[in-house]
Amino acid sequence: MTLYVRIRDHLARSAGLHLARFAHDIGYIIRGHMEWALETHRYRTPQNAKTGTLHDATALTIAWSDHPADDNPQPPQLPAIAWWWDHIQGAEANGRRSAGDTFAATPAARP
């Protein structure tokens, strides 16, 4: 979420109206998905794959926030996705108009 918020905020400052609005509205999609997952039987009664035990998730308490719980701006120690942070860091450092300017050069496959 921290990366999404950074990109959304960067685009709000530097992108055109339509791209900035799109980036903002993705937040509604994320929230909608979370609401759906909280009400879907599949996720409200998860099953432990090893034991087959069903866990009642109806007691889960969700605290909504306007800010990510983890506000660390650094990429996670997961090489498969850590490169995503390169785009926003490059756009911010080079003063590019938007983070999207760097996405065209993204290789199709990463290690």
N, C-alpha and C. Protein backbone atom coordinates (compact mmCIF):
# COMPACT_ATOMS: atom_id res chain seq x y z
N MET A 1 0.82 -1.20 0.00
CA MET A 1 0.00 0.00 0.00
C MET A 1 0.86 1.26 0.00
N THR A 2 2.00 1.17 0.66
CA THR A 2 2.85 2.35 0.72
C THR A 2 3.30 2.78 -0.67
N LEU A 3 3.64 1.82 -1.52
CA LEU A 3 4.06 2.17 -2.88
C LEU A 3 2.89 2.77 -3.64
N TYR A 4 1.71 2.18 -3.52
CA TYR A 4 0.53 2.74 -4.19
C TYR A 4 0.29 4.19 -3.76
N VAL A 5 0.36 4.46 -2.47
CA VAL A 5 0.12 5.81 -1.96
C VAL A 5 1.17 6.78 -2.51
N ARG A 6 2.43 6.33 -2.55
CA ARG A 6 3.48 7.19 -3.11
C ARG A 6 3.24 7.51 -4.58
N ILE A 7 2.90 6.49 -5.35
CA ILE A 7 2.64 6.72 -6.78
C ILE A 7 1.41 7.58 -6.96
N ARG A 8 0.35 7.30 -6.22
CA ARG A 8 -0.87 8.11 -6.31
C ARG A 8 -0.56 9.59 -6.01
N ASP A 9 0.17 9.83 -4.95
CA ASP A 9 0.49 11.20 -4.57
C ASP A 9 1.42 11.87 -5.59
N HIS A 10 2.37 11.11 -6.12
CA HIS A 10 3.27 11.64 -7.14
C HIS A 10 2.47 12.03 -8.38
N LEU A 11 1.56 11.16 -8.80
CA LEU A 11 0.76 11.45 -9.99
C LEU A 11 -0.20 12.62 -9.75
N ALA A 12 -0.68 12.77 -8.54
CA ALA A 12 -1.56 13.90 -8.23
C ALA A 12 -0.83 15.22 -8.43
N ARG A 13 0.49 15.22 -8.16
CA ARG A 13 1.29 16.44 -8.30
C ARG A 13 1.79 16.66 -9.73
N SER A 14 2.00 15.57 -10.48
CA SER A 14 2.75 15.72 -11.72
C SER A 14 2.06 15.24 -12.99
N ALA A 15 1.02 14.45 -12.88
CA ALA A 15 0.39 13.90 -14.07
C ALA A 15 -0.79 14.75 -14.51
N GLY A 16 -1.31 14.41 -15.66
CA GLY A 16 -2.51 15.08 -16.15
C GLY A 16 -3.71 14.69 -15.32
N LEU A 17 -4.79 15.40 -15.51
CA LEU A 17 -6.01 15.20 -14.72
C LEU A 17 -6.52 13.77 -14.78
N HIS A 18 -6.58 13.18 -15.97
CA HIS A 18 -7.17 11.84 -16.11
C HIS A 18 -6.33 10.76 -15.44
N LEU A 19 -5.02 10.81 -15.62
CA LEU A 19 -4.15 9.81 -14.99
C LEU A 19 -4.16 9.97 -13.47
N ALA A 20 -4.13 11.20 -13.00
CA ALA A 20 -4.17 11.45 -11.55
C ALA A 20 -5.49 10.94 -10.97
N ARG A 21 -6.59 11.15 -11.67
CA ARG A 21 -7.90 10.68 -11.20
C ARG A 21 -7.95 9.16 -11.19
N PHE A 22 -7.41 8.54 -12.24
CA PHE A 22 -7.36 7.08 -12.30
C PHE A 22 -6.58 6.52 -11.12
N ALA A 23 -5.40 7.07 -10.86
CA ALA A 23 -4.58 6.60 -9.75
C ALA A 23 -5.32 6.76 -8.42
N HIS A 24 -6.01 7.86 -8.26
CA HIS A 24 -6.80 8.08 -7.04
C HIS A 24 -7.92 7.06 -6.92
N ASP A 25 -8.62 6.82 -8.01
CA ASP A 25 -9.78 5.92 -7.97
C ASP A 25 -9.42 4.46 -7.74
N ILE A 26 -8.17 4.09 -8.01
CA ILE A 26 -7.74 2.72 -7.69
C ILE A 26 -7.93 2.45 -6.20
N GLY A 27 -7.81 3.47 -5.37
CA GLY A 27 -8.05 3.31 -3.94
C GLY A 27 -9.45 2.80 -3.64
N TYR A 28 -10.43 3.23 -4.44
CA TYR A 28 -11.80 2.73 -4.26
C TYR A 28 -11.90 1.25 -4.64
N ILE A 29 -11.15 0.85 -5.67
CA ILE A 29 -11.14 -0.55 -6.06
C ILE A 29 -10.53 -1.40 -4.95
N ILE A 30 -9.45 -0.93 -4.37
CA ILE A 30 -8.80 -1.66 -3.27
C ILE A 30 -9.77 -1.79 -2.10
N ARG A 31 -10.39 -0.69 -1.72
CA ARG A 31 -11.34 -0.72 -0.61
C ARG A 31 -12.52 -1.64 -0.92
N GLY A 32 -13.03 -1.58 -2.14
CA GLY A 32 -14.14 -2.44 -2.54
C GLY A 32 -13.77 -3.90 -2.47
N HIS A 33 -12.56 -4.22 -2.88
CA HIS A 33 -12.11 -5.61 -2.80
C HIS A 33 -12.04 -6.08 -1.35
N MET A 34 -11.51 -5.23 -0.49
CA MET A 34 -11.42 -5.60 0.92
C MET A 34 -12.80 -5.82 1.53
N GLU A 35 -13.75 -4.95 1.20
CA GLU A 35 -15.13 -5.12 1.69
C GLU A 35 -15.71 -6.44 1.19
N TRP A 36 -15.50 -6.73 -0.10
CA TRP A 36 -16.00 -7.97 -0.68
C TRP A 36 -15.39 -9.18 0.02
N ALA A 37 -14.06 -9.15 0.22
CA ALA A 37 -13.39 -10.28 0.85
C ALA A 37 -13.89 -10.52 2.27
N LEU A 38 -14.26 -9.44 2.96
CA LEU A 38 -14.76 -9.59 4.33
C LEU A 38 -16.15 -10.21 4.38
N GLU A 39 -16.87 -10.14 3.27
CA GLU A 39 -18.23 -10.67 3.23
C GLU A 39 -18.36 -11.98 2.47
N THR A 40 -17.30 -12.42 1.83
CA THR A 40 -17.34 -13.63 1.01
C THR A 40 -17.06 -14.86 1.86
N HIS A 41 -17.92 -15.87 1.72
CA HIS A 41 -17.80 -17.09 2.51
C HIS A 41 -16.40 -17.70 2.38
N ARG A 42 -15.85 -17.67 1.20
CA ARG A 42 -14.54 -18.26 0.96
C ARG A 42 -13.48 -17.69 1.89
N TYR A 43 -13.55 -16.42 2.17
CA TYR A 43 -12.54 -15.78 3.01
C TYR A 43 -12.97 -15.64 4.46
N ARG A 44 -14.24 -15.78 4.72
CA ARG A 44 -14.71 -15.68 6.10
C ARG A 44 -14.55 -17.01 6.83
N THR A 45 -14.39 -18.10 6.10
CA THR A 45 -14.19 -19.41 6.71
C THR A 45 -13.00 -20.10 6.06
N PRO A 46 -11.80 -19.52 6.22
CA PRO A 46 -10.63 -20.13 5.59
C PRO A 46 -10.31 -21.49 6.19
N GLN A 47 -9.81 -22.38 5.35
CA GLN A 47 -9.46 -23.73 5.78
C GLN A 47 -7.95 -23.88 5.78
N ASN A 48 -7.45 -24.44 6.87
CA ASN A 48 -6.02 -24.73 6.95
C ASN A 48 -5.72 -25.87 5.99
N ALA A 49 -4.84 -25.60 5.01
CA ALA A 49 -4.55 -26.59 3.97
C ALA A 49 -3.91 -27.86 4.53
N LYS A 50 -3.17 -27.75 5.61
CA LYS A 50 -2.48 -28.93 6.17
C LYS A 50 -3.40 -29.77 7.03
N THR A 51 -4.23 -29.13 7.86
CA THR A 51 -5.04 -29.88 8.81
C THR A 51 -6.49 -30.02 8.38
N GLY A 52 -6.93 -29.19 7.44
CA GLY A 52 -8.32 -29.23 7.02
C GLY A 52 -9.25 -28.52 7.99
N THR A 53 -8.70 -27.93 9.04
CA THR A 53 -9.51 -27.24 10.05
C THR A 53 -10.06 -25.94 9.48
N LEU A 54 -11.35 -25.73 9.67
CA LEU A 54 -11.97 -24.47 9.27
C LEU A 54 -11.82 -23.46 10.40
N HIS A 55 -11.50 -22.24 10.05
CA HIS A 55 -11.35 -21.17 11.03
C HIS A 55 -12.44 -20.14 10.79
N ASP A 56 -13.15 -19.80 11.83
CA ASP A 56 -14.20 -18.79 11.71
C ASP A 56 -13.57 -17.41 11.74
N ALA A 57 -13.67 -16.71 10.63
CA ALA A 57 -13.08 -15.38 10.54
C ALA A 57 -14.10 -14.28 10.82
N THR A 58 -15.29 -14.65 11.28
CA THR A 58 -16.31 -13.63 11.53
C THR A 58 -15.92 -12.72 12.68
N ALA A 59 -15.00 -13.17 13.52
CA ALA A 59 -14.59 -12.35 14.66
C ALA A 59 -13.49 -11.35 14.29
N LEU A 60 -13.05 -11.37 13.04
CA LEU A 60 -12.00 -10.44 12.63
C LEU A 60 -12.49 -9.01 12.77
N THR A 61 -11.64 -8.19 13.29
CA THR A 61 -11.94 -6.77 13.40
C THR A 61 -11.05 -6.02 12.44
N ILE A 62 -11.66 -5.21 11.63
CA ILE A 62 -10.90 -4.43 10.65
C ILE A 62 -10.94 -2.97 11.08
N ALA A 63 -9.78 -2.36 11.10
CA ALA A 63 -9.69 -0.94 11.40
C ALA A 63 -9.25 -0.24 10.12
N TRP A 64 -10.13 0.53 9.53
CA TRP A 64 -9.81 1.25 8.30
C TRP A 64 -8.99 2.49 8.63
N SER A 65 -8.08 2.82 7.72
CA SER A 65 -7.22 3.97 7.93
C SER A 65 -6.96 4.66 6.59
N ASP A 66 -6.66 5.92 6.65
CA ASP A 66 -6.29 6.65 5.43
C ASP A 66 -4.81 6.50 5.11
N HIS A 67 -4.07 5.83 5.97
CA HIS A 67 -2.63 5.67 5.80
C HIS A 67 -2.25 4.22 6.02
N PRO A 68 -1.27 3.69 5.28
CA PRO A 68 -0.84 2.30 5.48
C PRO A 68 -0.30 2.09 6.89
N ALA A 69 -0.51 0.89 7.41
CA ALA A 69 0.02 0.56 8.73
C ALA A 69 1.55 0.56 8.72
N ASP A 70 2.12 0.15 7.60
CA ASP A 70 3.58 0.15 7.44
C ASP A 70 3.92 1.27 6.47
N ASP A 71 4.51 2.33 6.96
CA ASP A 71 4.81 3.48 6.10
C ASP A 71 6.27 3.50 5.64
N ASN A 72 6.93 2.34 5.70
CA ASN A 72 8.32 2.24 5.25
C ASN A 72 8.36 2.44 3.74
N PRO A 73 9.07 3.44 3.25
CA PRO A 73 9.10 3.70 1.81
C PRO A 73 10.03 2.77 1.03
N GLN A 74 10.79 1.94 1.72
CA GLN A 74 11.74 1.05 1.07
C GLN A 74 11.04 -0.21 0.55
N PRO A 75 11.58 -0.80 -0.52
CA PRO A 75 10.99 -2.04 -1.04
C PRO A 75 11.15 -3.18 -0.05
N PRO A 76 10.25 -4.15 -0.10
CA PRO A 76 10.39 -5.31 0.77
C PRO A 76 11.56 -6.17 0.30
N GLN A 77 12.01 -7.05 1.13
CA GLN A 77 13.12 -7.93 0.79
C GLN A 77 12.61 -9.12 -0.03
N LEU A 78 11.89 -8.81 -1.08
CA LEU A 78 11.34 -9.81 -2.00
C LEU A 78 11.77 -9.43 -3.41
N PRO A 79 12.83 -10.02 -3.92
CA PRO A 79 13.35 -9.63 -5.23
C PRO A 79 12.31 -9.67 -6.34
N ALA A 80 11.34 -10.56 -6.24
CA ALA A 80 10.33 -10.69 -7.29
C ALA A 80 9.52 -9.40 -7.48
N ILE A 81 9.38 -8.60 -6.43
CA ILE A 81 8.61 -7.35 -6.56
C ILE A 81 9.39 -6.11 -6.16
N ALA A 82 10.56 -6.27 -5.59
CA ALA A 82 11.33 -5.11 -5.12
C ALA A 82 11.63 -4.12 -6.24
N TRP A 83 11.76 -4.59 -7.47
CA TRP A 83 12.07 -3.71 -8.60
C TRP A 83 10.94 -2.72 -8.88
N TRP A 84 9.74 -2.98 -8.43
CA TRP A 84 8.63 -2.04 -8.64
C TRP A 84 9.00 -0.67 -8.09
N TRP A 85 9.73 -0.64 -6.97
CA TRP A 85 10.09 0.62 -6.33
C TRP A 85 11.07 1.44 -7.18
N ASP A 86 11.80 0.77 -8.07
CA ASP A 86 12.75 1.48 -8.93
C ASP A 86 12.05 2.55 -9.76
N HIS A 87 10.84 2.29 -10.19
CA HIS A 87 10.14 3.22 -11.08
C HIS A 87 9.78 4.52 -10.38
N ILE A 88 9.24 4.44 -9.21
CA ILE A 88 8.85 5.67 -8.52
C ILE A 88 10.09 6.41 -8.03
N GLN A 89 11.09 5.67 -7.55
CA GLN A 89 12.31 6.33 -7.09
C GLN A 89 13.00 7.03 -8.26
N GLY A 90 13.02 6.39 -9.42
CA GLY A 90 13.62 7.01 -10.59
C GLY A 90 12.86 8.24 -11.05
N ALA A 91 11.55 8.16 -11.04
CA ALA A 91 10.72 9.30 -11.45
C ALA A 91 10.90 10.46 -10.50
N GLU A 92 10.93 10.18 -9.20
CA GLU A 92 11.10 11.25 -8.22
C GLU A 92 12.51 11.86 -8.32
N ALA A 93 13.51 11.02 -8.49
CA ALA A 93 14.89 11.52 -8.53
C ALA A 93 15.19 12.30 -9.81
N ASN A 94 14.61 11.88 -10.92
CA ASN A 94 14.90 12.52 -12.20
C ASN A 94 13.92 13.61 -12.57
N GLY A 95 12.96 13.86 -11.71
CA GLY A 95 11.99 14.91 -11.97
C GLY A 95 11.10 14.62 -13.16
N ARG A 96 10.90 13.33 -13.45
CA ARG A 96 10.00 12.99 -14.55
C ARG A 96 8.60 13.49 -14.25
N ARG A 97 7.87 13.72 -15.30
CA ARG A 97 6.52 14.24 -15.16
C ARG A 97 5.64 13.27 -14.37
N SER A 98 5.78 11.97 -14.62
CA SER A 98 4.99 11.00 -13.88
C SER A 98 5.74 9.69 -13.77
N ALA A 99 5.33 8.89 -12.78
CA ALA A 99 5.96 7.58 -12.61
C ALA A 99 5.72 6.72 -13.83
N GLY A 100 4.63 6.94 -14.54
CA GLY A 100 4.31 6.17 -15.73
C GLY A 100 5.33 6.33 -16.83
N ASP A 101 6.11 7.42 -16.83
CA ASP A 101 7.13 7.64 -17.85
C ASP A 101 8.17 6.53 -17.84
N THR A 102 8.38 5.89 -16.70
CA THR A 102 9.42 4.88 -16.62
C THR A 102 8.89 3.49 -16.95
N PHE A 103 7.59 3.30 -16.95
CA PHE A 103 7.04 1.95 -17.12
C PHE A 103 7.23 1.41 -18.53
N ALA A 104 7.35 2.25 -19.53
CA ALA A 104 7.51 1.78 -20.90
C ALA A 104 8.80 0.99 -21.08
N ALA A 105 9.80 1.27 -20.26
CA ALA A 105 11.09 0.60 -20.40
C ALA A 105 11.18 -0.66 -19.56
N THR A 106 10.10 -1.05 -18.91
CA THR A 106 10.12 -2.23 -18.05
C THR A 106 10.26 -3.50 -18.86
N PRO A 107 11.25 -4.34 -18.59
CA PRO A 107 11.36 -5.62 -19.30
C PRO A 107 10.14 -6.48 -19.01
N ALA A 108 9.78 -7.33 -19.96
CA ALA A 108 8.61 -8.19 -19.81
C ALA A 108 8.79 -9.18 -18.66
N ALA A 109 9.98 -9.66 -18.46
CA ALA A 109 10.21 -10.64 -17.39
C ALA A 109 11.36 -10.16 -16.51
N ARG A 110 11.21 -10.33 -15.25
CA ARG A 110 12.25 -9.98 -14.29
C ARG A 110 12.62 -11.25 -13.52
N PRO A 111 13.84 -11.30 -13.02
CA PRO A 111 14.25 -12.50 -12.25
C PRO A 111 13.47 -12.62 -10.97
